[in-house]
Amino acid sequence: MDRNDDLLRQGMRGYAAQIAATHTPPPAAGIWLMAERRRRRLAIERATLPLRIMQVVGLVCAVAAAAWLLSASRVSVSGLLHDVETLRAAILAMGCASVLLVVAGCWTMLVVGRRLSS
């Protein structure tokens, strides 16, 4: 058994020497830097997950509000509420502008968040 162990040891040492000669390991600092970057990226993704969820919810709500504003603007108003009819265009314009600003802000935050996490 002792002779087999010696042959196995010699074979393994020769194999290790051959691998060490042909394949050099990367520097430890490079491995540490990659691990640190990955740790930070994962921490940022975990921290910004609620923000990303709320941005998507905000986009959905803004689209729903825009659809509601468009459907509400088509409802006819009786003759008694004639003053409301004249204000409808201004209210609709301000509502659409507000929805547009919310959508643009949420979209911008989503794009910036994806760039930061990449």
Protein backbone atom coordinates (compact mmCIF):
# COMPACT_ATOMS: atom_id res chain seq x y z
CA MET A 1 0.00 0.00 0.00
CA ASP A 2 2.84 2.31 0.72
CA ARG A 3 4.16 1.98 -2.82
CA ASN A 4 0.73 2.73 -4.33
CA ASP A 5 0.39 5.81 -2.14
CA ASP A 6 3.80 7.04 -3.32
CA LEU A 7 2.87 6.49 -6.97
CA LEU A 8 -0.42 8.30 -6.45
CA ARG A 9 1.33 11.19 -4.70
CA GLN A 10 3.91 11.46 -7.48
CA GLY A 11 1.19 11.37 -10.13
CA MET A 12 -0.87 14.04 -8.35
CA ARG A 13 2.16 16.28 -7.84
CA GLY A 14 3.11 15.94 -11.49
CA TYR A 15 -0.45 16.77 -12.51
CA ALA A 16 -0.51 19.77 -10.16
CA ALA A 17 2.82 21.00 -11.53
CA GLN A 18 1.53 20.67 -15.09
CA ILE A 19 -1.63 22.62 -14.27
CA ALA A 20 0.37 25.29 -12.41
CA ALA A 21 2.68 25.68 -15.42
CA THR A 22 -0.15 26.07 -17.96
CA HIS A 23 -2.85 27.80 -15.92
CA THR A 24 -2.01 30.69 -13.67
CA PRO A 25 -4.67 31.70 -11.15
CA PRO A 26 -6.02 35.26 -11.35
CA PRO A 27 -4.66 37.74 -8.84
CA ALA A 28 -6.43 37.74 -5.49
CA ALA A 29 -7.11 41.47 -5.68
CA GLY A 30 -9.06 40.97 -8.92
CA ILE A 31 -11.18 38.23 -7.42
CA TRP A 32 -11.84 40.32 -4.33
CA LEU A 33 -12.77 43.35 -6.45
CA MET A 34 -15.24 41.35 -8.54
CA ALA A 35 -16.82 39.86 -5.41
CA GLU A 36 -17.10 43.30 -3.82
CA ARG A 37 -18.74 44.76 -6.93
CA ARG A 38 -21.21 41.89 -7.02
CA ARG A 39 -22.00 42.34 -3.31
CA ARG A 40 -22.63 46.06 -3.78
CA ARG A 41 -24.76 45.51 -6.89
CA LEU A 42 -26.92 42.95 -5.09
CA ALA A 43 -27.27 45.28 -2.09
CA ILE A 44 -28.40 48.12 -4.36
CA GLU A 45 -30.89 45.85 -6.11
CA ARG A 46 -32.34 44.73 -2.77
CA ALA A 47 -32.53 48.31 -1.49
CA THR A 48 -34.20 49.71 -4.61
CA LEU A 49 -36.75 46.91 -5.09
CA PRO A 50 -39.56 48.74 -3.22
CA LEU A 51 -38.85 51.89 -5.25
CA ARG A 52 -39.02 49.98 -8.52
CA ILE A 53 -42.28 48.34 -7.46
CA MET A 54 -43.79 51.71 -6.57
CA GLN A 55 -42.62 53.19 -9.87
CA VAL A 56 -44.44 50.47 -11.77
CA VAL A 57 -47.53 51.02 -9.61
CA GLY A 58 -47.26 54.76 -10.32
CA LEU A 59 -47.08 54.14 -14.06
CA VAL A 60 -50.13 51.88 -13.94
CA CYS A 61 -52.05 54.45 -11.87
CA ALA A 62 -51.07 57.26 -14.23
CA VAL A 63 -52.27 55.30 -17.25
CA ALA A 64 -55.51 54.45 -15.44
CA ALA A 65 -55.99 58.11 -14.49
CA ALA A 66 -55.42 59.17 -18.09
CA ALA A 67 -57.99 56.65 -19.31
CA TRP A 68 -60.45 57.83 -16.67
CA LEU A 69 -59.90 61.48 -17.62
CA LEU A 70 -60.53 60.69 -21.27
CA SER A 71 -63.69 58.76 -20.50
CA ALA A 72 -64.92 61.42 -18.06
CA SER A 73 -64.40 64.19 -20.60
CA ARG A 74 -66.89 62.52 -22.96
CA VAL A 75 -69.75 62.56 -20.43
CA SER A 76 -72.26 65.25 -21.37
CA VAL A 77 -73.17 67.80 -18.76
CA SER A 78 -76.75 69.05 -18.37
CA GLY A 79 -77.66 72.62 -19.15
CA LEU A 80 -77.69 73.54 -15.46
CA LEU A 81 -73.95 72.91 -15.20
CA HIS A 82 -72.96 75.03 -18.17
CA ASP A 83 -70.09 76.69 -16.23
CA VAL A 84 -68.53 73.27 -15.63
CA GLU A 85 -68.65 72.64 -19.38
CA THR A 86 -66.48 75.70 -20.05
CA LEU A 87 -63.96 74.62 -17.42
CA ARG A 88 -63.80 71.04 -18.68
CA ALA A 89 -61.14 71.75 -21.33
CA ALA A 90 -58.82 73.45 -18.83
CA ILE A 91 -59.32 70.72 -16.23
CA LEU A 92 -58.74 68.03 -18.84
CA ALA A 93 -55.57 69.76 -20.07
CA MET A 94 -54.20 70.09 -16.54
CA GLY A 95 -55.12 66.49 -15.74
CA CYS A 96 -53.43 65.18 -18.88
CA ALA A 97 -50.36 67.30 -18.19
CA SER A 98 -50.21 65.96 -14.63
CA VAL A 99 -50.52 62.38 -15.84
CA LEU A 100 -47.83 63.02 -18.45
CA LEU A 101 -45.47 64.42 -15.80
CA VAL A 102 -46.05 61.43 -13.51
CA VAL A 103 -45.45 58.97 -16.36
CA ALA A 104 -42.31 60.81 -17.48
CA GLY A 105 -40.95 60.94 -13.93
CA CYS A 106 -41.61 57.25 -13.29
CA TRP A 107 -40.14 56.28 -16.65
CA THR A 108 -37.02 58.34 -15.98
CA MET A 109 -36.57 56.75 -12.56
CA LEU A 110 -36.94 53.26 -14.04
CA VAL A 111 -34.35 53.96 -16.74
CA VAL A 112 -31.88 55.52 -14.30
CA GLY A 113 -32.37 52.65 -11.85
CA ARG A 114 -31.60 50.09 -14.55
CA ARG A 115 -28.47 51.96 -15.60
CA LEU A 116 -27.22 52.14 -12.01
CA SER A 117 -27.82 48.45 -11.39
CA SER A 118 -26.01 47.41 -14.56
